[in-house]
PDB file of N, CA and C in Angstrom:
ATOM      1  N   MET A   1       0.832  -1.182   0.000  1.00  0.00           N
ATOM      2  CA  MET A   1       0.000   0.000   0.000  1.00  0.00           C
ATOM      3  C   MET A   1       0.867   1.232   0.000  1.00  0.00           C
ATOM      4  N   SER A   2       0.352   2.269  -0.640  1.00  0.00           N
ATOM      5  CA  SER A   2       1.127   3.505  -0.682  1.00  0.00           C
ATOM      6  C   SER A   2       0.595   4.490   0.356  1.00  0.00           C
ATOM      7  N   SER A   3       1.361   5.544   0.547  1.00  0.00           N
ATOM      8  CA  SER A   3       0.990   6.580   1.510  1.00  0.00           C
ATOM      9  C   SER A   3       0.604   7.840   0.766  1.00  0.00           C
ATOM     10  N   LEU A   4      -0.185   8.659   1.438  1.00  0.00           N
ATOM     11  CA  LEU A   4      -0.614   9.934   0.878  1.00  0.00           C
ATOM     12  C   LEU A   4      -0.401  10.999   1.939  1.00  0.00           C
ATOM     13  N   LEU A   5       0.342  12.032   1.598  1.00  0.00           N
ATOM     14  CA  LEU A   5       0.602  13.127   2.519  1.00  0.00           C
ATOM     15  C   LEU A   5      -0.133  14.357   1.994  1.00  0.00           C
ATOM     16  N   ILE A   6      -0.968  14.944   2.802  1.00  0.00           N
ATOM     17  CA  ILE A   6      -1.702  16.140   2.405  1.00  0.00           C
ATOM     18  C   ILE A   6      -1.184  17.298   3.255  1.00  0.00           C
ATOM     19  N   ARG A   7      -0.578  18.258   2.601  1.00  0.00           N
ATOM     20  CA  ARG A   7       0.003  19.402   3.309  1.00  0.00           C
ATOM     21  C   ARG A   7      -0.978  20.567   3.343  1.00  0.00           C
ATOM     22  N   HIS A   8      -0.739  21.477   4.239  1.00  0.00           N
ATOM     23  CA  HIS A   8      -1.471  22.735   4.353  1.00  0.00           C
ATOM     24  C   HIS A   8      -2.977  22.518   4.526  1.00  0.00           C
ATOM     25  N   VAL A   9      -3.343  21.625   5.414  1.00  0.00           N
ATOM     26  CA  VAL A   9      -4.750  21.391   5.731  1.00  0.00           C
ATOM     27  C   VAL A   9      -5.215  22.499   6.668  1.00  0.00           C
ATOM     28  N   ASP A  10      -6.304  23.124   6.309  1.00  0.00           N
ATOM     29  CA  ASP A  10      -6.876  24.198   7.111  1.00  0.00           C
ATOM     30  C   ASP A  10      -7.187  23.676   8.515  1.00  0.00           C
ATOM     31  N   ASP A  11      -6.916  24.485   9.529  1.00  0.00           N
ATOM     32  CA  ASP A  11      -7.156  24.064  10.917  1.00  0.00           C
ATOM     33  C   ASP A  11      -8.614  23.711  11.170  1.00  0.00           C
ATOM     34  N   ALA A  12      -9.532  24.489  10.600  1.00  0.00           N
ATOM     35  CA  ALA A  12     -10.958  24.221  10.794  1.00  0.00           C
ATOM     36  C   ALA A  12     -11.346  22.882  10.175  1.00  0.00           C
ATOM     37  N   LEU A  13     -10.792  22.574   9.008  1.00  0.00           N
ATOM     38  CA  LEU A  13     -11.080  21.296   8.347  1.00  0.00           C
ATOM     39  C   LEU A  13     -10.551  20.133   9.178  1.00  0.00           C
ATOM     40  N   ARG A  14      -9.339  20.277   9.722  1.00  0.00           N
ATOM     41  CA  ARG A  14      -8.767  19.216  10.555  1.00  0.00           C
ATOM     42  C   ARG A  14      -9.609  19.011  11.817  1.00  0.00           C
ATOM     43  N   THR A  15     -10.089  20.103  12.390  1.00  0.00           N
ATOM     44  CA  THR A  15     -10.933  20.010  13.583  1.00  0.00           C
ATOM     45  C   THR A  15     -12.241  19.280  13.269  1.00  0.00           C
ATOM     46  N   GLN A  16     -12.838  19.601  12.121  1.00  0.00           N
ATOM     47  CA  GLN A  16     -14.082  18.923  11.714  1.00  0.00           C
ATOM     48  C   GLN A  16     -13.843  17.436  11.479  1.00  0.00           C
ATOM     49  N   LEU A  17     -12.739  17.106  10.833  1.00  0.00           N
ATOM     50  CA  LEU A  17     -12.419  15.699  10.567  1.00  0.00           C
ATOM     51  C   LEU A  17     -12.178  14.943  11.872  1.00  0.00           C
ATOM     52  N   LYS A  18     -11.497  15.586  12.814  1.00  0.00           N
ATOM     53  CA  LYS A  18     -11.276  14.949  14.120  1.00  0.00           C
ATOM     54  C   LYS A  18     -12.595  14.714  14.842  1.00  0.00           C
ATOM     55  N   ALA A  19     -13.513  15.678  14.758  1.00  0.00           N
ATOM     56  CA  ALA A  19     -14.817  15.519  15.414  1.00  0.00           C
ATOM     57  C   ALA A  19     -15.608  14.381  14.779  1.00  0.00           C
ATOM     58  N   ARG A  20     -15.551  14.266  13.457  1.00  0.00           N
ATOM     59  CA  ARG A  20     -16.230  13.153  12.773  1.00  0.00           C
ATOM     60  C   ARG A  20     -15.620  11.812  13.178  1.00  0.00           C
ATOM     61  N   ALA A  21     -14.290  11.783  13.278  1.00  0.00           N
ATOM     62  CA  ALA A  21     -13.606  10.551  13.669  1.00  0.00           C
ATOM     63  C   ALA A  21     -14.027  10.138  15.080  1.00  0.00           C
ATOM     64  N   ARG A  22     -14.095  11.097  15.969  1.00  0.00           N
ATOM     65  CA  ARG A  22     -14.507  10.809  17.346  1.00  0.00           C
ATOM     66  C   ARG A  22     -15.948  10.301  17.376  1.00  0.00           C
ATOM     67  N   ALA A  23     -16.836  10.929  16.565  1.00  0.00           N
ATOM     68  CA  ALA A  23     -18.248  10.524  16.541  1.00  0.00           C
ATOM     69  C   ALA A  23     -18.428   9.118  15.981  1.00  0.00           C
ATOM     70  N   HIS A  24     -17.536   8.727  15.061  1.00  0.00           N
ATOM     71  CA  HIS A  24     -17.630   7.390  14.454  1.00  0.00           C
ATOM     72  C   HIS A  24     -16.710   6.374  15.129  1.00  0.00           C
ATOM     73  N   HIS A  25     -16.071   6.773  16.218  1.00  0.00           N
ATOM     74  CA  HIS A  25     -15.155   5.890  16.971  1.00  0.00           C
ATOM     75  C   HIS A  25     -14.047   5.360  16.064  1.00  0.00           C
ATOM     76  N   ARG A  26     -13.436   6.272  15.317  1.00  0.00           N
ATOM     77  CA  ARG A  26     -12.333   5.915  14.416  1.00  0.00           C
ATOM     78  C   ARG A  26     -11.147   6.820  14.701  1.00  0.00           C
ATOM     79  N   SER A  27     -10.015   6.400  14.178  1.00  0.00           N
ATOM     80  CA  SER A  27      -8.852   7.281  14.236  1.00  0.00           C
ATOM     81  C   SER A  27      -9.007   8.339  13.141  1.00  0.00           C
ATOM     82  N   LEU A  28      -8.194   9.363  13.243  1.00  0.00           N
ATOM     83  CA  LEU A  28      -8.228  10.421  12.235  1.00  0.00           C
ATOM     84  C   LEU A  28      -7.900   9.849  10.856  1.00  0.00           C
ATOM     85  N   GLU A  29      -6.932   8.957  10.804  1.00  0.00           N
ATOM     86  CA  GLU A  29      -6.546   8.326   9.534  1.00  0.00           C
ATOM     87  C   GLU A  29      -7.690   7.482   8.969  1.00  0.00           C
ATOM     88  N   GLU A  30      -8.344   6.696   9.797  1.00  0.00           N
ATOM     89  CA  GLU A  30      -9.467   5.872   9.330  1.00  0.00           C
ATOM     90  C   GLU A  30     -10.618   6.743   8.828  1.00  0.00           C
ATOM     91  N   GLU A  31     -10.857   7.843   9.500  1.00  0.00           N
ATOM     92  CA  GLU A  31     -11.930   8.745   9.067  1.00  0.00           C
ATOM     93  C   GLU A  31     -11.595   9.379   7.717  1.00  0.00           C
ATOM     94  N   ALA A  32     -10.342   9.760   7.534  1.00  0.00           N
ATOM     95  CA  ALA A  32      -9.917  10.325   6.250  1.00  0.00           C
ATOM     96  C   ALA A  32     -10.079   9.294   5.137  1.00  0.00           C
ATOM     97  N   HIS A  33      -9.695   8.037   5.393  1.00  0.00           N
ATOM     98  CA  HIS A  33      -9.869   6.954   4.419  1.00  0.00           C
ATOM     99  C   HIS A  33     -11.347   6.812   4.029  1.00  0.00           C
ATOM    100  N   GLU A  34     -12.210   6.753   5.024  1.00  0.00           N
ATOM    101  CA  GLU A  34     -13.634   6.546   4.768  1.00  0.00           C
ATOM    102  C   GLU A  34     -14.244   7.739   4.038  1.00  0.00           C
ATOM    103  N   THR A  35     -13.822   8.942   4.394  1.00  0.00           N
ATOM    104  CA  THR A  35     -14.330  10.139   3.727  1.00  0.00           C
ATOM    105  C   THR A  35     -13.940  10.130   2.254  1.00  0.00           C
ATOM    106  N   LEU A  36     -12.697   9.788   1.967  1.00  0.00           N
ATOM    107  CA  LEU A  36     -12.250   9.705   0.569  1.00  0.00           C
ATOM    108  C   LEU A  36     -12.991   8.601  -0.179  1.00  0.00           C
ATOM    109  N   ARG A  37     -13.127   7.422   0.446  1.00  0.00           N
ATOM    110  CA  ARG A  37     -13.855   6.314  -0.187  1.00  0.00           C
ATOM    111  C   ARG A  37     -15.279   6.712  -0.547  1.00  0.00           C
ATOM    112  N   THR A  38     -15.961   7.359   0.390  1.00  0.00           N
ATOM    113  CA  THR A  38     -17.346   7.778   0.177  1.00  0.00           C
ATOM    114  C   THR A  38     -17.449   8.798  -0.951  1.00  0.00           C
ATOM    115  N   ALA A  39     -16.540   9.756  -0.976  1.00  0.00           N
ATOM    116  CA  ALA A  39     -16.567  10.788  -2.018  1.00  0.00           C
ATOM    117  C   ALA A  39     -16.319  10.192  -3.398  1.00  0.00           C
ATOM    118  N   ILE A  40     -15.370   9.266  -3.494  1.00  0.00           N
ATOM    119  CA  ILE A  40     -15.070   8.633  -4.781  1.00  0.00           C
ATOM    120  C   ILE A  40     -16.241   7.767  -5.233  1.00  0.00           C
ATOM    121  N   ALA A  41     -16.850   7.034  -4.325  1.00  0.00           N
ATOM    122  CA  ALA A  41     -17.992   6.184  -4.673  1.00  0.00           C
ATOM    123  C   ALA A  41     -19.170   7.035  -5.140  1.00  0.00           C
ATOM    124  N   ARG A  42     -19.387   8.177  -4.506  1.00  0.00           N
ATOM    125  CA  ARG A  42     -20.484   9.068  -4.901  1.00  0.00           C
ATOM    126  C   ARG A  42     -20.244   9.603  -6.309  1.00  0.00           C
ATOM    127  N   ASP A  43     -19.005   9.991  -6.621  1.00  0.00           N
ATOM    128  CA  ASP A  43     -18.691  10.488  -7.959  1.00  0.00           C
ATOM    129  C   ASP A  43     -18.865   9.402  -9.014  1.00  0.00           C
ATOM    130  N   ALA A  44     -18.520   8.172  -8.675  1.00  0.00           N
ATOM    131  CA  ALA A  44     -18.625   7.070  -9.632  1.00  0.00           C
ATOM    132  C   ALA A  44     -20.074   6.708  -9.913  1.00  0.00           C
ATOM    133  N   SER A  45     -20.957   6.976  -8.965  1.00  0.00           N
ATOM    134  CA  SER A  45     -22.362   6.610  -9.148  1.00  0.00           C
ATOM    135  C   SER A  45     -23.132   7.638  -9.963  1.00  0.00           C
ATOM    136  N   VAL A  46     -22.553   8.808 -10.187  1.00  0.00           N
ATOM    137  CA  VAL A  46     -23.218   9.850 -10.967  1.00  0.00           C
ATOM    138  C   VAL A  46     -23.122   9.489 -12.445  1.00  0.00           C
ATOM    139  N   ALA A  47     -24.251   9.560 -13.136  1.00  0.00           N
ATOM    140  CA  ALA A  47     -24.274   9.217 -14.555  1.00  0.00           C
ATOM    141  C   ALA A  47     -23.461  10.240 -15.350  1.00  0.00           C
ATOM    142  N   PRO A  48     -22.818   9.798 -16.419  1.00  0.00           N
ATOM    143  CA  PRO A  48     -22.067  10.744 -17.239  1.00  0.00           C
ATOM    144  C   PRO A  48     -23.004  11.769 -17.873  1.00  0.00           C
ATOM    145  N   LYS A  49     -22.500  12.949 -18.095  1.00  0.00           N
ATOM    146  CA  LYS A  49     -23.314  14.013 -18.662  1.00  0.00           C
ATOM    147  C   LYS A  49     -23.599  13.731 -20.133  1.00  0.00           C
ATOM    148  N   ALA A  50     -24.826  13.979 -20.534  1.00  0.00           N
ATOM    149  CA  ALA A  50     -25.203  13.800 -21.929  1.00  0.00           C
ATOM    150  C   ALA A  50     -24.776  15.030 -22.726  1.00  0.00           C
ATOM    151  N   ASP A  51     -24.449  14.821 -23.990  1.00  0.00           N
ATOM    152  CA  ASP A  51     -24.114  15.972 -24.806  1.00  0.00           C
ATOM    153  C   ASP A  51     -25.392  16.643 -25.307  1.00  0.00           C
ATOM    154  N   ILE A  52     -25.265  17.761 -25.966  1.00  0.00           N
ATOM    155  CA  ILE A  52     -26.409  18.579 -26.357  1.00  0.00           C
ATOM    156  C   ILE A  52     -27.324  17.840 -27.336  1.00  0.00           C
ATOM    157  N   VAL A  53     -26.758  17.035 -28.212  1.00  0.00           N
ATOM    158  CA  VAL A  53     -27.574  16.291 -29.180  1.00  0.00           C
ATOM    159  C   VAL A  53     -28.454  15.282 -28.449  1.00  0.00           C
ATOM    160  N   ASP A  54     -27.884  14.583 -27.483  1.00  0.00           N
ATOM    161  CA  ASP A  54     -28.674  13.624 -26.702  1.00  0.00           C
ATOM    162  C   ASP A  54     -29.805  14.319 -25.951  1.00  0.00           C
ATOM    163  N   LEU A  55     -29.518  15.484 -25.377  1.00  0.00           N
ATOM    164  CA  LEU A  55     -30.547  16.219 -24.645  1.00  0.00           C
ATOM    165  C   LEU A  55     -31.676  16.666 -25.564  1.00  0.00           C
ATOM    166  N   PHE A  56     -31.347  17.205 -26.724  1.00  0.00           N
ATOM    167  CA  PHE A  56     -32.384  17.636 -27.651  1.00  0.00           C
ATOM    168  C   PHE A  56     -33.205  16.456 -28.146  1.00  0.00           C
ATOM    169  N   THR A  57     -32.549  15.350 -28.424  1.00  0.00           N
ATOM    170  CA  THR A  57     -33.277  14.165 -28.868  1.00  0.00           C
ATOM    171  C   THR A  57     -34.199  13.669 -27.771  1.00  0.00           C
ATOM    172  N   GLN A  58     -33.730  13.700 -26.544  1.00  0.00           N
ATOM    173  CA  GLN A  58     -34.541  13.249 -25.421  1.00  0.00           C
ATOM    174  C   GLN A  58     -35.787  14.111 -25.251  1.00  0.00           C
ATOM    175  N   PHE A  59     -35.641  15.426 -25.369  1.00  0.00           N
ATOM    176  CA  PHE A  59     -36.768  16.316 -25.120  1.00  0.00           C
ATOM    177  C   PHE A  59     -37.610  16.612 -26.358  1.00  0.00           C
ATOM    178  N   PHE A  60     -36.983  16.642 -27.535  1.00  0.00           N
ATOM    179  CA  PHE A  60     -37.699  17.073 -28.726  1.00  0.00           C
ATOM    180  C   PHE A  60     -37.713  16.030 -29.831  1.00  0.00           C
ATOM    181  N   GLY A  61     -37.328  14.808 -29.551  1.00  0.00           N
ATOM    182  CA  GLY A  61     -37.248  13.772 -30.568  1.00  0.00           C
ATOM    183  C   GLY A  61     -38.606  13.285 -31.020  1.00  0.00           C
ATOM    184  N   PRO A  62     -38.630  12.429 -32.053  1.00  0.00           N
ATOM    185  CA  PRO A  62     -39.884  11.933 -32.607  1.00  0.00           C
ATOM    186  C   PRO A  62     -40.749  11.199 -31.586  1.00  0.00           C
ATOM    187  N   GLU A  63     -40.152  10.530 -30.618  1.00  0.00           N
ATOM    188  CA  GLU A  63     -40.951   9.813 -29.617  1.00  0.00           C
ATOM    189  C   GLU A  63     -41.691  10.763 -28.682  1.00  0.00           C
ATOM    190  N   ASN A  64     -41.329  12.043 -28.709  1.00  0.00           N
ATOM    191  CA  ASN A  64     -42.011  13.038 -27.882  1.00  0.00           C
ATOM    192  C   ASN A  64     -42.960  13.914 -28.696  1.00  0.00           C
ATOM    193  N   GLY A  65     -43.255  13.498 -29.920  1.00  0.00           N
ATOM    194  CA  GLY A  65     -44.250  14.201 -30.723  1.00  0.00           C
ATOM    195  C   GLY A  65     -43.736  15.383 -31.508  1.00  0.00           C
ATOM    196  N   VAL A  66     -42.451  15.570 -31.612  1.00  0.00           N
ATOM    197  CA  VAL A  66     -41.917  16.686 -32.380  1.00  0.00           C
ATOM    198  C   VAL A  66     -41.017  16.133 -33.472  1.00  0.00           C
ATOM    199  N   GLU A  67     -41.401  16.389 -34.707  1.00  0.00           N
ATOM    200  CA  GLU A  67     -40.557  16.006 -35.841  1.00  0.00           C
ATOM    201  C   GLU A  67     -40.307  17.256 -36.657  1.00  0.00           C
ATOM    202  N   LEU A  68     -39.087  17.606 -36.808  1.00  0.00           N
ATOM    203  CA  LEU A  68     -38.730  18.811 -37.542  1.00  0.00           C
ATOM    204  C   LEU A  68     -38.141  18.431 -38.896  1.00  0.00           C
ATOM    205  N   GLU A  69     -38.645  19.084 -39.924  1.00  0.00           N
ATOM    206  CA  GLU A  69     -38.070  18.892 -41.246  1.00  0.00           C
ATOM    207  C   GLU A  69     -37.157  20.071 -41.518  1.00  0.00           C
ATOM    208  N   LEU A  70     -35.939  19.779 -41.844  1.00  0.00           N
ATOM    209  CA  LEU A  70     -34.972  20.833 -42.103  1.00  0.00           C
ATOM    210  C   LEU A  70     -35.009  21.195 -43.578  1.00  0.00           C
ATOM    211  N   PRO A  71     -34.975  22.491 -43.900  1.00  0.00           N
ATOM    212  CA  PRO A  71     -34.956  22.879 -45.302  1.00  0.00           C
ATOM    213  C   PRO A  71     -33.628  22.474 -45.935  1.00  0.00           C
ATOM    214  N   PRO A  72     -33.643  22.178 -47.223  1.00  0.00           N
ATOM    215  CA  PRO A  72     -32.379  21.794 -47.867  1.00  0.00           C
ATOM    216  C   PRO A  72     -31.423  22.981 -47.920  1.00  0.00           C
ATOM    217  N   ARG A  73     -30.153  22.691 -47.851  1.00  0.00           N
ATOM    218  CA  ARG A  73     -29.142  23.744 -47.942  1.00  0.00           C
ATOM    219  C   ARG A  73     -28.777  23.948 -49.398  1.00  0.00           C
ATOM    220  N   SER A  74     -28.579  25.181 -49.742  1.00  0.00           N
ATOM    221  CA  SER A  74     -28.153  25.469 -51.105  1.00  0.00           C
ATOM    222  C   SER A  74     -26.707  25.928 -51.078  1.00  0.00           C
ATOM    223  N   ALA A  75     -26.069  25.848 -52.224  1.00  0.00           N
ATOM    224  CA  ALA A  75     -24.675  26.260 -52.325  1.00  0.00           C
ATOM    225  C   ALA A  75     -24.555  27.778 -52.248  1.00  0.00           C
ATOM    226  N   GLU A  76     -25.569  28.499 -52.721  1.00  0.00           N
ATOM    227  CA  GLU A  76     -25.553  29.959 -52.726  1.00  0.00           C
ATOM    228  C   GLU A  76     -26.388  30.490 -51.567  1.00  0.00           C
ATOM    229  N   PRO A  77     -25.842  31.413 -50.781  1.00  0.00           N
ATOM    230  CA  PRO A  77     -26.658  31.993 -49.701  1.00  0.00           C
ATOM    231  C   PRO A  77     -27.763  32.874 -50.278  1.00  0.00           C
ATOM    232  N   ASP A  78     -28.853  33.038 -49.535  1.00  0.00           N
ATOM    233  CA  ASP A  78     -29.983  33.842 -49.978  1.00  0.00           C
ATOM    234  C   ASP A  78     -29.678  35.338 -49.948  1.00  0.00           C
ATOM    235  N   ARG A  79     -28.731  35.750 -49.141  1.00  0.00           N
ATOM    236  CA  ARG A  79     -28.411  37.167 -49.039  1.00  0.00           C
ATOM    237  C   ARG A  79     -26.923  37.329 -48.768  1.00  0.00           C
ATOM    238  N   LYS A  80     -26.446  38.556 -48.950  1.00  0.00           N
ATOM    239  CA  LYS A  80     -25.035  38.854 -48.694  1.00  0.00           C
ATOM    240  C   LYS A  80     -24.799  38.906 -47.193  1.00  0.00           C
ATOM    241  N   PRO A  81     -23.616  38.516 -46.745  1.00  0.00           N
ATOM    242  CA  PRO A  81     -23.323  38.641 -45.312  1.00  0.00           C
ATOM    243  C   PRO A  81     -23.208  40.118 -44.929  1.00  0.00           C
ATOM    244  N   PRO A  82     -23.480  40.476 -43.685  1.00  0.00           N
ATOM    245  CA  PRO A  82     -23.395  41.886 -43.274  1.00  0.00           C
ATOM    246  C   PRO A  82     -21.961  42.395 -43.310  1.00  0.00           C
ATOM    247  N   ASP A  83     -21.836  43.677 -43.562  1.00  0.00           N
ATOM    248  CA  ASP A  83     -20.525  44.316 -43.637  1.00  0.00           C
ATOM    249  C   ASP A  83     -20.278  45.079 -42.337  1.00  0.00           C
ATOM    250  N   PHE A  84     -19.297  44.656 -41.578  1.00  0.00           N
ATOM    251  CA  PHE A  84     -18.968  45.285 -40.303  1.00  0.00           C
ATOM    252  C   PHE A  84     -17.677  46.104 -40.391  1.00  0.00           C
ATOM    253  N   SER A  85     -17.338  46.552 -41.587  1.00  0.00           N
ATOM    254  CA  SER A  85     -16.077  47.271 -41.750  1.00  0.00           C
ATOM    255  C   SER A  85     -16.226  48.786 -41.619  1.00  0.00           C
ATOM    256  N   GLY A  86     -17.411  49.304 -41.389  1.00  0.00           N
ATOM    257  CA  GLY A  86     -17.653  50.742 -41.291  1.00  0.00           C
ATOM    258  C   GLY A  86     -17.113  51.335 -40.011  1.00  0.00           C
ATOM    259  N   PRO A  87     -17.130  52.668 -39.930  1.00  0.00           N
ATOM    260  CA  PRO A  87     -16.581  53.363 -38.748  1.00  0.00           C
ATOM    261  C   PRO A  87     -17.372  53.095 -37.472  1.00  0.00           C
ATOM    262  N   ASP A  88     -18.627  52.697 -37.610  1.00  0.00           N
ATOM    263  CA  ASP A  88     -19.414  52.395 -36.416  1.00  0.00           C
ATOM    264  C   ASP A  88     -18.885  51.185 -35.675  1.00  0.00           C
ATOM    265  N   TYR A  89     -18.122  50.343 -36.349  1.00  0.00           N
ATOM    266  CA  TYR A  89     -17.652  49.093 -35.749  1.00  0.00           C
ATOM    267  C   TYR A  89     -16.178  49.127 -35.357  1.00  0.00           C
ATOM    268  N   ASP A  90     -15.494  50.267 -35.604  1.00  0.00           N
ATOM    269  CA  ASP A  90     -14.085  50.386 -35.216  1.00  0.00           C
ATOM    270  C   ASP A  90     -13.985  50.670 -33.730  1.00  0.00           C
ATOM    271  N   ARG A  91     -12.981  50.121 -33.121  1.00  0.00           N
ATOM    272  CA  ARG A  91     -12.756  50.383 -31.686  1.00  0.00           C
ATOM    273  C   ARG A  91     -11.367  50.854 -31.459  1.00  0.00           C
TER     274      ARG A  91
END
């Protein structure tokens, strides 16, 4: 087994950890082990975040009564892009 040294622990945090250890009838080291184990297990149980496509499909997909037809894209744009080169846009 390896060791872990944590430096610069805030005094208030150490006091809280000692109080938890005393309440659970453990040593300070055992309480730190259990606290880390619990935190890691909680993070592992959280489902991975869905990306934006998954979220939109979940809320707006065909199974939820929304079907969107996208217009076809053309090679030529319908209008010229705006011109931002005028003096109103200089900084």
